[in-house]
C-alpha atoms as a PDB file:
ATOM      1  CA  MET A   1      19.469-118.290  43.651  1.00  0.00           C
ATOM      2  CA  ARG A   2      21.694-117.458  40.668  1.00  0.00           C
ATOM      3  CA  LEU A   3      19.455-119.503  38.370  1.00  0.00           C
ATOM      4  CA  MET A   4      16.357-117.780  39.768  1.00  0.00           C
ATOM      5  CA  ARG A   5      17.856-114.340  39.223  1.00  0.00           C
ATOM      6  CA  LEU A   6      18.813-115.278  35.675  1.00  0.00           C
ATOM      7  CA  ALA A   7      15.269-116.468  34.997  1.00  0.00           C
ATOM      8  CA  PHE A   8      13.719-113.266  36.348  1.00  0.00           C
ATOM      9  CA  ARG A   9      16.151-111.061  34.423  1.00  0.00           C
ATOM     10  CA  THR A  10      15.133-112.875  31.264  1.00  0.00           C
ATOM     11  CA  MET A  11      11.409-112.547  32.023  1.00  0.00           C
ATOM     12  CA  GLU A  12      11.901-108.849  32.781  1.00  0.00           C
ATOM     13  CA  THR A  13      12.970-108.429  29.176  1.00  0.00           C
ATOM     14  CA  VAL A  14      10.764-110.843  27.237  1.00  0.00           C
ATOM     15  CA  ALA A  15       7.815-111.735  29.497  1.00  0.00           C
ATOM     16  CA  PRO A  16       7.318-109.339  32.441  1.00  0.00           C
ATOM     17  CA  THR A  17       3.711-110.468  32.942  1.00  0.00           C
ATOM     18  CA  VAL A  18       4.880-114.036  33.513  1.00  0.00           C
ATOM     19  CA  GLY A  19       7.631-112.770  35.783  1.00  0.00           C
ATOM     20  CA  GLY A  20       5.127-110.684  37.734  1.00  0.00           C
ATOM     21  CA  HIS A  21       2.897-113.706  38.262  1.00  0.00           C
ATOM     22  CA  ARG A  22       5.734-115.865  39.512  1.00  0.00           C
ATOM     23  CA  ALA A  23       7.051-113.068  41.705  1.00  0.00           C
ATOM     24  CA  ALA A  24       3.564-112.611  43.166  1.00  0.00           C
ATOM     25  CA  LEU A  25       3.421-116.279  44.138  1.00  0.00           C
ATOM     26  CA  LEU A  26       6.740-115.893  45.950  1.00  0.00           C
ATOM     27  CA  TRP A  27       5.566-112.653  47.604  1.00  0.00           C
ATOM     28  CA  CYS A  28       2.465-114.476  48.876  1.00  0.00           C
ATOM     29  CA  THR A  29       4.436-117.339  50.444  1.00  0.00           C
ATOM     30  CA  PRO A  30       4.622-116.779  54.230  1.00  0.00           C
ATOM     31  CA  PRO A  31       7.976-117.327  55.938  1.00  0.00           C
ATOM     32  CA  ALA A  32       8.591-120.204  58.308  1.00  0.00           C
ATOM     33  CA  GLY A  33      10.454-120.027  61.593  1.00  0.00           C
ATOM     34  CA  ARG A  34      10.385-121.318  65.157  1.00  0.00           C
ATOM     35  CA  GLY A  35       9.455-117.904  66.549  1.00  0.00           C
ATOM     36  CA  ARG A  36       6.366-117.794  64.368  1.00  0.00           C
ATOM     37  CA  ARG A  37       5.321-121.275  65.527  1.00  0.00           C
ATOM     38  CA  ARG A  38       5.589-120.666  69.270  1.00  0.00           C
ATOM     39  CA  ASP A  39       2.623-121.926  71.237  1.00  0.00           C
ATOM     40  CA  ASP A  40       2.015-119.716  74.269  1.00  0.00           C
ATOM     41  CA  ARG A  41      -1.638-120.600  74.812  1.00  0.00           C
ATOM     42  CA  PRO A  42      -2.464-121.190  78.490  1.00  0.00           C
ATOM     43  CA  SER A  43      -2.863-124.860  79.376  1.00  0.00           C
ATOM     44  CA  SER A  44      -4.724-124.023  82.598  1.00  0.00           C
ATOM     45  CA  LEU A  45      -7.751-122.391  80.944  1.00  0.00           C
ATOM     46  CA  PRO A  46     -10.476-124.369  79.174  1.00  0.00           C
ATOM     47  CA  ALA A  47     -10.748-123.524  75.489  1.00  0.00           C
ATOM     48  CA  ASP A  48     -13.388-124.126  72.877  1.00  0.00           C
ATOM     49  CA  ARG A  49     -11.900-125.073  69.492  1.00  0.00           C
ATOM     50  CA  SER A  50     -14.011-125.006  66.352  1.00  0.00           C
ATOM     51  CA  THR A  51     -13.915-124.234  62.644  1.00  0.00           C
ATOM     52  CA  LEU A  52     -15.653-121.566  60.631  1.00  0.00           C
ATOM     53  CA  THR A  53     -16.186-121.499  56.872  1.00  0.00           C
ATOM     54  CA  THR A  54     -15.894-118.097  55.231  1.00  0.00           C
ATOM     55  CA  PRO A  55     -18.234-116.921  52.456  1.00  0.00           C
ATOM     56  CA  LYS A  56     -15.489-117.926  49.999  1.00  0.00           C
ATOM     57  CA  GLY A  57     -15.432-121.463  51.364  1.00  0.00           C
ATOM     58  CA  VAL A  58     -12.176-121.251  53.342  1.00  0.00           C
ATOM     59  CA  ARG A  59     -12.014-123.225  56.605  1.00  0.00           C
ATOM     60  CA  LEU A  60     -10.689-121.193  59.537  1.00  0.00           C
ATOM     61  CA  ALA A  61      -9.480-122.635  62.833  1.00  0.00           C
ATOM     62  CA  VAL A  62     -10.991-120.665  65.740  1.00  0.00           C
ATOM     63  CA  GLU A  63     -10.328-120.932  69.482  1.00  0.00           C
ATOM     64  CA  THR A  64     -12.130-119.106  72.281  1.00  0.00           C
ATOM     65  CA  TRP A  65     -11.671-118.680  76.029  1.00  0.00           C
ATOM     66  CA  GLY A  66     -13.912-117.077  78.649  1.00  0.00           C
ATOM     67  CA  ALA A  67     -17.650-116.721  79.134  1.00  0.00           C
ATOM     68  CA  PRO A  68     -19.641-116.911  75.871  1.00  0.00           C
ATOM     69  CA  ASP A  69     -21.659-113.815  76.801  1.00  0.00           C
ATOM     70  CA  ALA A  70     -18.617-111.667  77.663  1.00  0.00           C
ATOM     71  CA  ALA A  71     -17.434-108.877  75.376  1.00  0.00           C
ATOM     72  CA  PRO A  72     -15.121-110.393  72.741  1.00  0.00           C
ATOM     73  CA  VAL A  73     -11.514-109.382  72.195  1.00  0.00           C
ATOM     74  CA  TYR A  74     -10.030-110.712  68.947  1.00  0.00           C
ATOM     75  CA  LEU A  75      -6.397-111.730  68.509  1.00  0.00           C
ATOM     76  CA  VAL A  76      -4.964-111.346  64.989  1.00  0.00           C
ATOM     77  CA  HIS A  77      -1.564-112.866  64.212  1.00  0.00           C
ATOM     78  CA  GLY A  78       0.912-111.659  61.605  1.00  0.00           C
ATOM     79  CA  TRP A  79       2.492-112.897  58.380  1.00  0.00           C
ATOM     80  CA  GLY A  80       3.646-116.491  58.765  1.00  0.00           C
ATOM     81  CA  GLY A  81       2.351-116.666  62.342  1.00  0.00           C
ATOM     82  CA  TRP A  82      -0.607-118.313  64.039  1.00  0.00           C
ATOM     83  CA  ARG A  83      -2.953-117.810  66.980  1.00  0.00           C
ATOM     84  CA  GLY A  84      -0.647-119.557  69.485  1.00  0.00           C
ATOM     85  CA  GLN A  85       1.820-116.646  69.339  1.00  0.00           C
ATOM     86  CA  LEU A  86      -0.716-114.376  71.023  1.00  0.00           C
ATOM     87  CA  GLY A  87      -1.378-116.848  73.806  1.00  0.00           C
ATOM     88  CA  PRO A  88       0.128-114.618  76.546  1.00  0.00           C
ATOM     89  CA  TYR A  89      -2.868-112.271  76.217  1.00  0.00           C
ATOM     90  CA  VAL A  90      -5.489-114.931  76.860  1.00  0.00           C
ATOM     91  CA  ALA A  91      -5.324-115.366  80.644  1.00  0.00           C
ATOM     92  CA  PRO A  92      -5.171-111.654  81.580  1.00  0.00           C
ATOM     93  CA  LEU A  93      -8.003-110.783  79.200  1.00  0.00           C
ATOM     94  CA  VAL A  94     -10.200-113.586  80.546  1.00  0.00           C
ATOM     95  CA  ALA A  95      -9.359-112.477  84.095  1.00  0.00           C
ATOM     96  CA  ALA A  96     -10.532-108.984  83.115  1.00  0.00           C
ATOM     97  CA  GLY A  97     -13.920-110.413  82.124  1.00  0.00           C
ATOM     98  CA  ARG A  98     -13.483-110.638  78.376  1.00  0.00           C
ATOM     99  CA  ARG A  99     -14.061-113.450  75.925  1.00  0.00           C
ATOM    100  CA  VAL A 100     -10.957-114.053  73.841  1.00  0.00           C
ATOM    101  CA  VAL A 101     -11.379-115.136  70.207  1.00  0.00           C
ATOM    102  CA  ALA A 102      -8.264-116.195  68.282  1.00  0.00           C
ATOM    103  CA  PHE A 103      -8.067-117.637  64.802  1.00  0.00           C
ATOM    104  CA  ASP A 104      -5.643-118.606  62.063  1.00  0.00           C
ATOM    105  CA  VAL A 105      -5.924-116.877  58.699  1.00  0.00           C
ATOM    106  CA  PRO A 106      -5.973-118.978  55.494  1.00  0.00           C
ATOM    107  CA  SER A 107      -2.827-121.050  54.865  1.00  0.00           C
ATOM    108  CA  HIS A 108      -1.602-120.302  58.402  1.00  0.00           C
ATOM    109  CA  GLY A 109      -1.638-122.426  61.530  1.00  0.00           C
ATOM    110  CA  GLU A 110      -4.446-124.963  61.481  1.00  0.00           C
ATOM    111  CA  SER A 111      -6.659-123.196  58.929  1.00  0.00           C
ATOM    112  CA  GLY A 112      -7.256-124.497  55.441  1.00  0.00           C
ATOM    113  CA  PRO A 113      -5.605-123.155  52.297  1.00  0.00           C
ATOM    114  CA  GLY A 114      -6.637-119.870  50.771  1.00  0.00           C
ATOM    115  CA  MET A 115      -7.323-118.927  47.173  1.00  0.00           C
ATOM    116  CA  LEU A 116      -3.725-119.570  46.083  1.00  0.00           C
ATOM    117  CA  GLY A 117      -3.535-123.019  47.639  1.00  0.00           C
ATOM    118  CA  PRO A 118      -1.497-124.368  50.583  1.00  0.00           C
ATOM    119  CA  ARG A 119       1.313-122.247  52.034  1.00  0.00           C
ATOM    120  CA  ARG A 120       0.227-119.102  50.225  1.00  0.00           C
ATOM    121  CA  ALA A 121      -1.962-116.204  51.366  1.00  0.00           C
ATOM    122  CA  THR A 122      -2.803-112.576  50.640  1.00  0.00           C
ATOM    123  CA  ALA A 123      -3.332-109.511  52.789  1.00  0.00           C
ATOM    124  CA  ALA A 124      -6.935-109.381  51.589  1.00  0.00           C
ATOM    125  CA  GLU A 125      -7.507-112.845  53.060  1.00  0.00           C
ATOM    126  CA  PHE A 126      -6.354-111.572  56.466  1.00  0.00           C
ATOM    127  CA  THR A 127      -9.026-108.876  56.313  1.00  0.00           C
ATOM    128  CA  GLU A 128     -11.705-111.257  55.032  1.00  0.00           C
ATOM    129  CA  ALA A 129     -10.947-113.758  57.797  1.00  0.00           C
ATOM    130  CA  LEU A 130     -11.302-111.116  60.524  1.00  0.00           C
ATOM    131  CA  VAL A 131     -14.605-109.927  59.067  1.00  0.00           C
ATOM    132  CA  ALA A 132     -15.931-113.501  58.932  1.00  0.00           C
ATOM    133  CA  VAL A 133     -14.914-114.314  62.505  1.00  0.00           C
ATOM    134  CA  THR A 134     -16.344-111.122  63.996  1.00  0.00           C
ATOM    135  CA  ALA A 135     -19.584-111.720  62.103  1.00  0.00           C
ATOM    136  CA  ALA A 136     -19.837-115.102  63.833  1.00  0.00           C
ATOM    137  CA  TYR A 137     -18.700-114.119  67.345  1.00  0.00           C
ATOM    138  CA  GLY A 138     -19.975-110.569  67.747  1.00  0.00           C
ATOM    139  CA  ARG A 139     -18.906-106.933  67.728  1.00  0.00           C
ATOM    140  CA  ALA A 140     -15.320-106.439  68.819  1.00  0.00           C
ATOM    141  CA  ALA A 141     -14.837-104.817  72.191  1.00  0.00           C
ATOM    142  CA  ALA A 142     -11.202-104.706  71.077  1.00  0.00           C
ATOM    143  CA  ILE A 143      -8.762-106.201  68.605  1.00  0.00           C
ATOM    144  CA  VAL A 144      -5.142-107.016  69.423  1.00  0.00           C
ATOM    145  CA  ALA A 145      -3.082-107.444  66.250  1.00  0.00           C
ATOM    146  CA  HIS A 146       0.543-108.115  65.357  1.00  0.00           C
ATOM    147  CA  SER A 147       2.677-107.168  62.353  1.00  0.00           C
ATOM    148  CA  LEU A 148       0.823-107.551  59.020  1.00  0.00           C
ATOM    149  CA  GLY A 149      -2.306-108.336  61.041  1.00  0.00           C
ATOM    150  CA  CYS A 150      -2.258-104.684  62.109  1.00  0.00           C
ATOM    151  CA  ALA A 151      -2.495-103.280  58.582  1.00  0.00           C
ATOM    152  CA  THR A 152      -5.226-105.714  57.611  1.00  0.00           C
ATOM    153  CA  THR A 153      -7.149-105.023  60.825  1.00  0.00           C
ATOM    154  CA  VAL A 154      -7.015-101.257  60.258  1.00  0.00           C
ATOM    155  CA  ARG A 155      -8.176-101.857  56.684  1.00  0.00           C
ATOM    156  CA  ALA A 156     -11.140-103.892  57.933  1.00  0.00           C
ATOM    157  CA  VAL A 157     -12.097-101.175  60.427  1.00  0.00           C
ATOM    158  CA  ALA A 158     -11.793 -98.501  57.747  1.00  0.00           C
ATOM    159  CA  ASP A 159     -14.115-100.620  55.594  1.00  0.00           C
ATOM    160  CA  GLY A 160     -16.736-100.595  58.350  1.00  0.00           C
ATOM    161  CA  LEU A 161     -15.844-103.368  60.814  1.00  0.00           C
ATOM    162  CA  ALA A 162     -17.008-102.222  64.252  1.00  0.00           C
ATOM    163  CA  ALA A 163     -14.369-102.229  67.002  1.00  0.00           C
ATOM    164  CA  ASP A 164     -14.241-100.163  70.183  1.00  0.00           C
ATOM    165  CA  ARG A 165     -10.448-100.254  70.610  1.00  0.00           C
ATOM    166  CA  LEU A 166      -7.361-101.382  68.699  1.00  0.00           C
ATOM    167  CA  ALA A 167      -3.979-102.458  70.056  1.00  0.00           C
ATOM    168  CA  LEU A 168      -1.352-102.735  67.309  1.00  0.00           C
ATOM    169  CA  VAL A 169       1.887-104.509  68.226  1.00  0.00           C
ATOM    170  CA  ALA A 170       4.888-104.039  65.890  1.00  0.00           C
ATOM    171  CA  PRO A 171       2.545-102.821  63.152  1.00  0.00           C
ATOM    172  CA  VAL A 172       3.138-103.004  59.429  1.00  0.00           C
ATOM    173  CA  ALA A 173       1.709 -99.764  58.038  1.00  0.00           C
ATOM    174  CA  ASP A 174       2.651-100.293  54.378  1.00  0.00           C
ATOM    175  CA  PRO A 175       2.798-103.959  53.274  1.00  0.00           C
ATOM    176  CA  LEU A 176       4.239-102.969  49.874  1.00  0.00           C
ATOM    177  CA  GLU A 177       6.983-100.729  51.234  1.00  0.00           C
ATOM    178  CA  ARG A 178       9.722-103.227  50.327  1.00  0.00           C
ATOM    179  CA  ILE A 179       8.308-104.580  47.087  1.00  0.00           C
ATOM    180  CA  GLY A 180      10.972-102.777  45.068  1.00  0.00           C
ATOM    181  CA  ASP A 181      13.706-104.405  47.174  1.00  0.00           C
ATOM    182  CA  PHE A 182      11.977-107.742  46.671  1.00  0.00           C
ATOM    183  CA  THR A 183      11.929-107.545  42.881  1.00  0.00           C
ATOM    184  CA  ARG A 184      15.556-106.394  42.806  1.00  0.00           C
ATOM    185  CA  LEU A 185      16.505-109.355  44.995  1.00  0.00           C
ATOM    186  CA  LEU A 186      14.919-111.606  42.383  1.00  0.00           C
ATOM    187  CA  GLY A 187      16.984-109.933  39.674  1.00  0.00           C
ATOM    188  CA  ALA A 188      13.961-108.243  38.109  1.00  0.00           C
ATOM    189  CA  GLY A 189      13.134-104.614  37.419  1.00  0.00           C
ATOM    190  CA  ASP A 190      10.289-102.159  37.141  1.00  0.00           C
ATOM    191  CA  ARG A 191       8.313-104.042  34.481  1.00  0.00           C
ATOM    192  CA  THR A 192       8.131-107.130  36.704  1.00  0.00           C
ATOM    193  CA  ARG A 193       7.345-104.998  39.765  1.00  0.00           C
ATOM    194  CA  VAL A 194       4.401-103.343  38.011  1.00  0.00           C
ATOM    195  CA  ALA A 195       3.107-106.723  36.830  1.00  0.00           C
ATOM    196  CA  LEU A 196       3.526-108.107  40.351  1.00  0.00           C
ATOM    197  CA  VAL A 197       1.415-105.331  41.895  1.00  0.00           C
ATOM    198  CA  GLU A 198      -1.230-105.738  39.189  1.00  0.00           C
ATOM    199  CA  ARG A 199      -1.423-109.455  39.969  1.00  0.00           C
ATOM    200  CA  LEU A 200      -1.796-108.781  43.691  1.00  0.00           C
ATOM    201  CA  GLU A 201      -4.591-106.316  42.970  1.00  0.00           C
ATOM    202  CA  ARG A 202      -6.357-108.842  40.749  1.00  0.00           C
ATOM    203  CA  TRP A 203      -6.226-111.466  43.498  1.00  0.00           C
ATOM    204  CA  ALA A 204      -7.356-109.000  46.176  1.00  0.00           C
ATOM    205  CA  GLY A 205     -10.079-107.432  44.062  1.00  0.00           C
ATOM    206  CA  ARG A 206      -8.999-103.960  45.176  1.00  0.00           C
ATOM    207  CA  PRO A 207      -6.088-101.510  44.822  1.00  0.00           C
ATOM    208  CA  ALA A 208      -2.908-102.548  46.622  1.00  0.00           C
ATOM    209  CA  ALA A 209      -2.751 -99.032  48.102  1.00  0.00           C
ATOM    210  CA  ASP A 210      -5.826 -99.878  50.200  1.00  0.00           C
ATOM    211  CA  PHE A 211      -3.534-101.754  52.587  1.00  0.00           C
ATOM    212  CA  THR A 212      -1.236 -98.791  53.115  1.00  0.00           C
ATOM    213  CA  VAL A 213      -2.940 -97.597  56.277  1.00  0.00           C
ATOM    214  CA  ALA A 214      -0.618 -94.954  57.710  1.00  0.00           C
ATOM    215  CA  ASP A 215      -2.772 -92.082  56.455  1.00  0.00           C
ATOM    216  CA  LEU A 216      -6.192 -93.625  57.079  1.00  0.00           C
ATOM    217  CA  PRO A 217      -6.691 -92.243  60.621  1.00  0.00           C
ATOM    218  CA  ALA A 218      -6.206 -88.709  59.318  1.00  0.00           C
ATOM    219  CA  ARG A 219      -8.915 -89.201  56.681  1.00  0.00           C
ATOM    220  CA  ARG A 220     -11.680 -90.938  58.602  1.00  0.00           C
ATOM    221  CA  SER A 221     -12.938 -91.554  62.125  1.00  0.00           C
ATOM    222  CA  MET A 222     -11.165 -94.450  63.827  1.00  0.00           C
ATOM    223  CA  PRO A 223     -11.426 -95.991  67.315  1.00  0.00           C
ATOM    224  CA  PRO A 224      -8.924 -95.313  70.110  1.00  0.00           C
ATOM    225  CA  CYS A 225      -5.610 -96.995  69.365  1.00  0.00           C
ATOM    226  CA  LEU A 226      -2.493 -98.159  71.203  1.00  0.00           C
ATOM    227  CA  VAL A 227       0.687 -98.745  69.178  1.00  0.00           C
ATOM    228  CA  VAL A 228       3.507-100.776  70.733  1.00  0.00           C
ATOM    229  CA  HIS A 229       6.764-101.037  68.788  1.00  0.00           C
ATOM    230  CA  ASP A 230      10.351-101.931  69.582  1.00  0.00           C
ATOM    231  CA  ARG A 231      13.148 -99.627  68.475  1.00  0.00           C
ATOM    232  CA  ASP A 232      15.293-102.689  67.669  1.00  0.00           C
ATOM    233  CA  ASP A 233      12.712-104.374  65.431  1.00  0.00           C
ATOM    234  CA  LYS A 234      14.694-105.702  62.445  1.00  0.00           C
ATOM    235  CA  GLU A 235      11.691-107.053  60.524  1.00  0.00           C
ATOM    236  CA  VAL A 236       9.359-104.055  60.656  1.00  0.00           C
ATOM    237  CA  PRO A 237      11.189-100.764  61.254  1.00  0.00           C
ATOM    238  CA  TYR A 238      10.166 -98.814  64.329  1.00  0.00           C
ATOM    239  CA  GLY A 239       9.657 -95.628  62.339  1.00  0.00           C
ATOM    240  CA  GLY A 240       6.578 -97.034  60.640  1.00  0.00           C
ATOM    241  CA  GLY A 241       4.841 -97.714  63.947  1.00  0.00           C
ATOM    242  CA  ARG A 242       5.860 -94.332  65.336  1.00  0.00           C
ATOM    243  CA  ASP A 243       4.550 -92.529  62.255  1.00  0.00           C
ATOM    244  CA  LEU A 244       1.291 -94.470  62.383  1.00  0.00           C
ATOM    245  CA  ALA A 245       0.745 -93.467  66.006  1.00  0.00           C
ATOM    246  CA  GLU A 246       1.556 -89.833  65.246  1.00  0.00           C
ATOM    247  CA  SER A 247      -0.947 -89.746  62.381  1.00  0.00           C
ATOM    248  CA  TRP A 248      -3.711 -91.317  64.496  1.00  0.00           C
ATOM    249  CA  PRO A 249      -5.612 -88.673  66.479  1.00  0.00           C
ATOM    250  CA  GLY A 250      -5.343 -89.495  70.175  1.00  0.00           C
ATOM    251  CA  ALA A 251      -3.314 -92.683  69.673  1.00  0.00           C
ATOM    252  CA  GLU A 252      -0.934 -93.816  72.409  1.00  0.00           C
ATOM    253  CA  LEU A 253       2.592 -94.949  71.511  1.00  0.00           C
ATOM    254  CA  VAL A 254       4.609 -97.271  73.739  1.00  0.00           C
ATOM    255  CA  SER A 255       8.215 -97.777  72.647  1.00  0.00           C
ATOM    256  CA  THR A 256      10.353-100.660  73.886  1.00  0.00           C
ATOM    257  CA  ASP A 257      13.989-101.677  73.494  1.00  0.00           C
ATOM    258  CA  GLY A 258      15.610-105.054  72.901  1.00  0.00           C
ATOM    259  CA  LEU A 259      12.443-107.067  72.239  1.00  0.00           C
ATOM    260  CA  GLY A 260      12.541-107.197  68.449  1.00  0.00           C
ATOM    261  CA  HIS A 261       9.586-108.290  66.351  1.00  0.00           C
ATOM    262  CA  GLN A 262       8.577-111.563  68.004  1.00  0.00           C
ATOM    263  CA  ARG A 263       9.588-111.416  71.674  1.00  0.00           C
ATOM    264  CA  ILE A 264       7.565-108.236  72.078  1.00  0.00           C
ATOM    265  CA  LEU A 265       4.424-110.389  71.939  1.00  0.00           C
ATOM    266  CA  ARG A 266       5.257-112.215  75.165  1.00  0.00           C
ATOM    267  CA  ASP A 267       6.977-109.508  77.174  1.00  0.00           C
ATOM    268  CA  PRO A 268       5.073-109.256  80.507  1.00  0.00           C
ATOM    269  CA  GLU A 269       5.074-105.449  80.558  1.00  0.00           C
ATOM    270  CA  VAL A 270       3.785-105.246  76.987  1.00  0.00           C
ATOM    271  CA  VAL A 271       1.066-107.808  77.732  1.00  0.00           C
ATOM    272  CA  ALA A 272       0.005-105.872  80.836  1.00  0.00           C
ATOM    273  CA  THR A 273      -0.016-102.553  78.954  1.00  0.00           C
ATOM    274  CA  VAL A 274      -2.067-103.940  76.070  1.00  0.00           C
ATOM    275  CA  THR A 275      -4.516-105.671  78.434  1.00  0.00           C
ATOM    276  CA  ALA A 276      -5.012-102.493  80.467  1.00  0.00           C
ATOM    277  CA  PHE A 277      -5.651-100.464  77.333  1.00  0.00           C
ATOM    278  CA  VAL A 278      -8.167-102.780  75.675  1.00  0.00           C
ATOM    279  CA  THR A 279     -10.110-103.343  78.917  1.00  0.00           C
ATOM    280  CA  ARG A 280     -10.041 -99.689  80.014  1.00  0.00           C
END
C-alpha cells in the first residue's frame, strides 16, 4: 500500500492523466466477499437458466422462475454481488403469481466480462444489462434492486425503461459520493480525481452525474417506490436512502435496525414487505 501511495503521489504531480486511468481501473474493480456470494435461490422451485447477449456483445447469465406468461419482476443485484443474493424473493413472488427474472451484470456472477475485461465493471453496464434483459423478457411489473443496482435501475427508468413499481433495498443514491475519499486513500489529489471522473465518463459515454439519482424523482415522473434501508448500514449510509425516499413523491420508507447492508436482503420481514409492495 505504501508503494501504491507513493506511485499515485508521483503521478499526481507529473502524470495525473495516467494516475486517473489507473485509479479508474481500481474504482471499477468490484469487491469480493462471502456475503456477496451467498446463494439463497430456492432449490424447491424449477428454474430456467439461459444466457443473453447484449447489443455490445456481452454475455449475461439469466435465470427465471414462474409461469412464462406471468407479469415479470426483475431482481437487480449490487456492486460485487450476483443474482443468488436475491434468492429469498423468488418463492414469495412466484406464489403471488409473478414471473421472477434475475440476472448477473457483466463481470459479476456467471456473466461474461464487460468492456474493461474480467473482474471489472461500470455503473453504465448495470443500466445497459437491465435494459437488455427487460427488452428480452417484457415490461417490468416491478423491479427489486439492491445497493448500486438501485441507482442504476433509477437511471434506466429515468431514461425511459418502463416499470410499474420499484423496490430499492439499501440504495446507493450517489455512486461518486466517496470518490474524493478514494483518491485520498490512494495518495492522490484533485488532479487525479478529475482525471478519474473524466475516464469514467469516457467509458460510460455520459456524464458521471447522470448516476446521482437522489434528485431525479423531483424533476420527472417516476413510478411508485418503496425504499428499505437499515440505520446500521456501514457500507451505504442510511441517510442517503432516507433522503432519496423523501425526495420521491409518494415514496414509502421502511427503516430497519441491526441488519446492515447484506443481511437486509434475506430478512423475512423485509422480504414480506417488499413482496407485498411490488405485488400490490
